Amino acid sequence: MALGFGGLLCTVVLLLSCTTLFSTSIVFRDSENWIQIQKAPEAQNRYSHWFLGLTSNGRGPALSLNVSTRGLEALLGEVELTSPLLPALQFRGTLSLYGPAELLLQIHSVRIFDNWNNGWTEGEAEGFGTILFRREYLRWWGTLRDRLGIGKVRSGEVRYFDHYYRGEEGTRRVQARIQRLLTNITQGMEKPSIERIDCDMEETPGLYLSLVSLTRINQQLETKDLLFLPSEN
């Protein structure tokens, strides 16, 4: 016996509810585990395609339900780009449709957080970088178009022992610390200083490692395309 339109609609609602209840956050990682991409925390709604209307000949209802849970297009919208080599940095950007079987990730900000025995450094800065993803059959490949990078610090906070620096002073100190680390890293590549490296590693271990690794990651992404595969988070 036919369910009728009302029964069909109830079935659709039930299917969508089950999908929401049992879905898990999908993370896309490149096959060499340099970077990973996932939905931004406040934007966890699953990107899905579903259509309920008439058949092309107009004779009755047609249902097309295709909840995208394994394709990179499931992450369309605000995403985070992270890496096990970037413990103090979380890049954020927008993943959008770009062309036939292509998606474009444009980074617009980066969150900074690093702590150590006697304090922490936290802030948000302008972020840069563009990655083009193209689908070949059922696989997604990523190509770096613009390097990942950090720009001007928009807001920041530093705790150093019992001193807290917030507002303009905190922002200035976070900016100064990043610039100092970048300078020391650049100079260290030319003329390593064990004393300087030890100081950076003690005060900002995660941030120092992240800024060193960021150069390596950019170099890897520039030299070859990376295959991105989904995994359950």
Protein backbone atom coordinates (compact mmCIF):
# COMPACT_ATOMS: atom_id res chain seq x y z
CA MET A 1 0.00 0.00 0.00
CA ALA A 2 1.35 3.42 -0.91
CA LEU A 3 2.45 5.67 1.91
CA GLY A 4 1.01 8.81 0.38
CA PHE A 5 2.63 12.22 0.31
CA GLY A 6 2.28 12.74 4.08
CA GLY A 7 3.92 9.42 4.83
CA LEU A 8 6.72 10.16 2.39
CA LEU A 9 7.36 13.52 4.02
CA CYS A 10 7.54 11.90 7.46
CA THR A 11 10.03 9.39 6.11
CA VAL A 12 12.21 12.21 4.79
CA VAL A 13 12.17 14.00 8.15
CA LEU A 14 13.07 10.75 9.92
CA LEU A 15 15.98 10.10 7.57
CA LEU A 16 17.34 13.60 8.06
CA SER A 17 16.99 13.30 11.83
CA CYS A 18 18.85 10.01 11.87
CA THR A 19 21.59 11.46 9.73
CA THR A 20 22.02 14.33 12.18
CA LEU A 21 21.98 12.07 15.21
CA PHE A 22 24.52 9.57 13.95
CA SER A 23 26.76 11.79 11.85
CA THR A 24 30.28 12.51 13.03
CA SER A 25 32.55 15.38 12.27
CA ILE A 26 34.57 14.68 9.16
CA VAL A 27 38.20 15.73 9.03
CA PHE A 28 40.14 15.76 5.78
CA ARG A 29 43.87 15.07 6.10
CA ASP A 30 46.47 14.92 3.41
CA SER A 31 48.01 11.50 2.92
CA GLU A 32 51.31 12.67 4.45
CA ASN A 33 49.61 14.26 7.49
CA TRP A 34 50.94 17.76 6.96
CA ILE A 35 47.62 19.58 7.38
CA GLN A 36 44.00 18.81 8.14
CA ILE A 37 40.73 20.62 7.45
CA GLN A 38 37.46 20.48 9.36
CA LYS A 39 34.37 22.55 10.03
CA ALA A 40 34.86 25.56 12.27
CA PRO A 41 33.46 24.86 15.79
CA GLU A 42 30.51 27.25 15.55
CA ALA A 43 29.52 26.02 12.09
CA GLN A 44 28.99 22.31 12.58
CA ASN A 45 25.85 22.00 10.41
CA ARG A 46 26.35 19.32 7.79
CA TYR A 47 26.39 20.57 4.24
CA SER A 48 23.75 18.51 2.46
CA HIS A 49 21.75 18.37 -0.73
CA TRP A 50 18.12 17.30 -0.61
CA PHE A 51 15.21 17.97 -2.90
CA LEU A 52 11.52 17.17 -2.59
CA GLY A 53 9.31 18.08 -5.53
CA LEU A 54 7.66 16.76 -8.67
CA THR A 55 9.12 14.37 -11.19
CA SER A 56 10.26 15.84 -14.48
CA ASN A 57 7.03 14.69 -16.16
CA GLY A 58 4.92 16.19 -13.37
CA ARG A 59 3.15 12.92 -12.55
CA GLY A 60 4.08 12.63 -8.91
CA PRO A 61 6.47 13.39 -6.08
CA ALA A 62 10.17 12.72 -6.46
CA LEU A 63 12.68 12.48 -3.65
CA SER A 64 16.39 13.02 -4.04
CA LEU A 65 18.31 12.74 -0.79
CA ASN A 66 22.07 12.95 -0.93
CA VAL A 67 23.60 13.88 2.39
CA SER A 68 27.25 14.59 1.71
CA THR A 69 29.20 12.98 4.53
CA ARG A 70 32.38 11.79 2.83
CA GLY A 71 33.19 14.40 0.22
CA LEU A 72 35.23 17.51 0.77
CA GLU A 73 32.18 19.53 -0.27
CA ALA A 74 30.68 18.50 3.08
CA LEU A 75 32.89 21.18 4.62
CA LEU A 76 31.70 24.10 2.50
CA GLY A 77 31.61 27.28 4.57
CA GLU A 78 33.81 28.27 7.51
CA VAL A 79 36.60 25.77 8.16
CA GLU A 80 39.71 25.39 10.29
CA LEU A 81 43.09 24.39 8.93
CA THR A 82 45.39 22.84 11.51
CA SER A 83 48.45 20.65 11.63
CA PRO A 84 50.22 18.46 14.20
CA LEU A 85 53.25 20.60 13.37
CA LEU A 86 51.41 23.83 14.23
CA PRO A 87 50.38 23.32 17.88
CA ALA A 88 49.95 27.06 18.55
CA LEU A 89 48.17 28.06 15.33
CA GLN A 90 44.67 27.48 13.99
CA PHE A 91 44.03 28.98 10.57
CA ARG A 92 40.47 29.82 9.63
CA GLY A 93 39.07 30.38 6.17
CA THR A 94 36.17 29.94 3.81
CA LEU A 95 35.81 26.89 1.58
CA SER A 96 33.67 27.69 -1.46
CA LEU A 97 32.77 26.37 -4.89
CA TYR A 98 35.26 27.53 -7.49
CA GLY A 99 34.67 25.64 -10.73
CA PRO A 100 33.67 22.25 -12.12
CA ALA A 101 34.84 19.73 -9.51
CA GLU A 102 36.91 22.42 -7.78
CA LEU A 103 36.83 24.07 -4.36
CA LEU A 104 38.81 27.06 -3.12
CA LEU A 105 39.97 27.58 0.45
CA GLN A 106 40.80 31.20 1.30
CA ILE A 107 42.38 31.80 4.70
CA HIS A 108 41.34 35.03 6.44
CA SER A 109 42.45 34.72 10.08
CA VAL A 110 44.56 32.70 12.47
CA ARG A 111 44.10 32.02 16.18
CA ILE A 112 47.24 31.93 18.30
CA PHE A 113 47.54 30.15 21.62
CA ASP A 114 50.62 28.93 23.46
CA ASN A 115 51.26 28.35 27.14
CA TRP A 116 54.28 27.51 29.23
CA ASN A 117 55.12 27.05 32.89
CA ASN A 118 54.93 30.74 33.78
CA GLY A 119 52.31 32.15 31.43
CA TRP A 120 50.64 32.11 28.05
CA THR A 121 50.34 33.98 24.77
CA GLU A 122 46.96 34.27 23.05
CA GLY A 123 45.67 36.29 20.14
CA GLU A 124 43.96 36.54 16.79
CA ALA A 125 45.67 37.83 13.67
CA GLU A 126 45.08 38.29 9.98
CA GLY A 127 45.71 35.10 8.08
CA PHE A 128 46.76 34.49 4.51
CA GLY A 129 46.85 31.56 2.15
CA THR A 130 44.87 29.96 -0.67
CA ILE A 131 44.52 26.27 -1.51
CA LEU A 132 42.76 24.96 -4.61
CA PHE A 133 41.16 21.53 -4.36
CA ARG A 134 40.23 19.54 -7.44
CA ARG A 135 38.34 16.29 -7.60
CA GLU A 136 39.60 13.45 -9.74
CA TYR A 137 37.01 10.70 -9.70
CA LEU A 138 36.40 10.17 -5.96
CA ARG A 139 39.64 11.73 -4.72
CA TRP A 140 40.51 15.30 -3.79
CA TRP A 141 43.90 16.86 -4.50
CA GLY A 142 45.11 20.13 -2.97
CA THR A 143 47.41 22.68 -4.61
CA LEU A 144 48.86 25.66 -2.75
CA ARG A 145 48.24 28.89 -4.67
CA ASP A 146 49.31 31.39 -1.99
CA ARG A 147 51.50 30.65 1.01
CA LEU A 148 50.02 30.27 4.49
CA GLY A 149 51.05 33.18 6.66
CA ILE A 150 50.31 35.46 9.62
CA GLY A 151 49.64 39.19 9.31
CA LYS A 152 48.77 41.95 11.74
CA VAL A 153 47.62 40.88 15.21
CA ARG A 154 44.07 42.13 15.79
CA SER A 155 43.81 41.27 19.48
CA GLY A 156 46.10 39.66 22.02
CA GLU A 157 46.76 38.82 25.63
CA VAL A 158 49.94 37.82 27.44
CA ARG A 159 50.40 36.49 30.93
CA TYR A 160 53.93 36.57 32.31
CA PHE A 161 54.15 35.22 35.86
CA ASP A 162 51.67 37.42 37.79
CA HIS A 163 51.45 40.13 35.13
CA TYR A 164 48.55 40.25 32.68
CA TYR A 165 48.69 42.35 29.53
CA ARG A 166 45.39 42.89 27.74
CA GLY A 167 43.84 45.33 25.29
CA GLU A 168 46.25 47.44 23.25
CA GLU A 169 49.22 46.48 25.41
CA GLY A 170 48.46 42.77 25.09
CA THR A 171 48.00 43.07 21.33
CA ARG A 172 51.29 44.95 20.99
CA ARG A 173 53.16 42.34 23.01
CA VAL A 174 51.78 39.42 20.98
CA GLN A 175 52.72 41.19 17.73
CA ALA A 176 56.20 41.95 19.08
CA ARG A 177 56.71 38.37 20.22
CA ILE A 178 55.77 36.94 16.83
CA GLN A 179 58.06 39.38 15.04
CA ARG A 180 60.91 38.57 17.42
CA LEU A 181 60.48 34.85 16.89
CA LEU A 182 60.33 35.22 13.11
CA THR A 183 63.50 37.31 13.18
CA ASN A 184 65.31 34.82 15.42
CA ILE A 185 64.18 31.90 13.27
CA THR A 186 65.43 33.61 10.10
CA GLN A 187 68.74 34.52 11.69
CA GLY A 188 69.01 31.09 13.25
CA MET A 189 68.81 29.44 9.84
CA GLU A 190 71.82 31.49 8.75
CA LYS A 191 73.76 31.46 12.02
CA PRO A 192 72.27 29.19 14.71
CA SER A 193 72.45 30.40 18.32
CA ILE A 194 71.80 27.67 20.88
CA GLU A 195 71.26 30.26 23.63
CA ARG A 196 68.66 32.16 21.59
CA ILE A 197 66.84 28.99 20.53
CA ASP A 198 66.75 27.72 24.13
CA CYS A 199 65.18 31.01 25.27
CA ASP A 200 62.51 30.89 22.55
CA MET A 201 61.72 27.24 23.26
CA GLU A 202 61.38 27.91 27.00
CA GLU A 203 59.07 30.93 26.76
CA THR A 204 57.00 30.03 23.69
CA PRO A 205 57.63 26.38 22.81
CA GLY A 206 54.50 25.80 20.75
CA LEU A 207 54.62 29.13 18.94
CA TYR A 208 58.31 28.74 18.12
CA LEU A 209 57.75 25.24 16.73
CA SER A 210 54.72 26.42 14.76
CA LEU A 211 56.54 29.29 13.07
CA VAL A 212 59.48 27.04 12.19
CA SER A 213 57.16 24.35 10.83
CA LEU A 214 55.04 26.82 8.85
CA THR A 215 57.94 27.38 6.47
CA ARG A 216 58.38 23.62 6.01
CA ILE A 217 54.68 23.09 5.36
CA ASN A 218 54.60 25.85 2.74
CA GLN A 219 57.61 24.35 1.03
CA GLN A 220 55.99 20.92 0.93
CA LEU A 221 52.71 22.26 -0.44
CA GLU A 222 54.56 24.25 -3.09
CA THR A 223 56.56 21.30 -4.40
CA LYS A 224 53.72 18.84 -4.97
CA ASP A 225 49.98 18.29 -4.90
CA LEU A 226 48.66 16.48 -1.85
CA LEU A 227 45.96 13.85 -1.73
CA PHE A 228 43.27 14.59 0.89
CA LEU A 229 41.34 11.75 2.49
CA PRO A 230 38.46 11.79 4.98
CA SER A 231 38.70 10.39 8.49
CA GLU A 232 36.37 10.38 11.47
CA ASN A 233 37.22 12.95 14.12
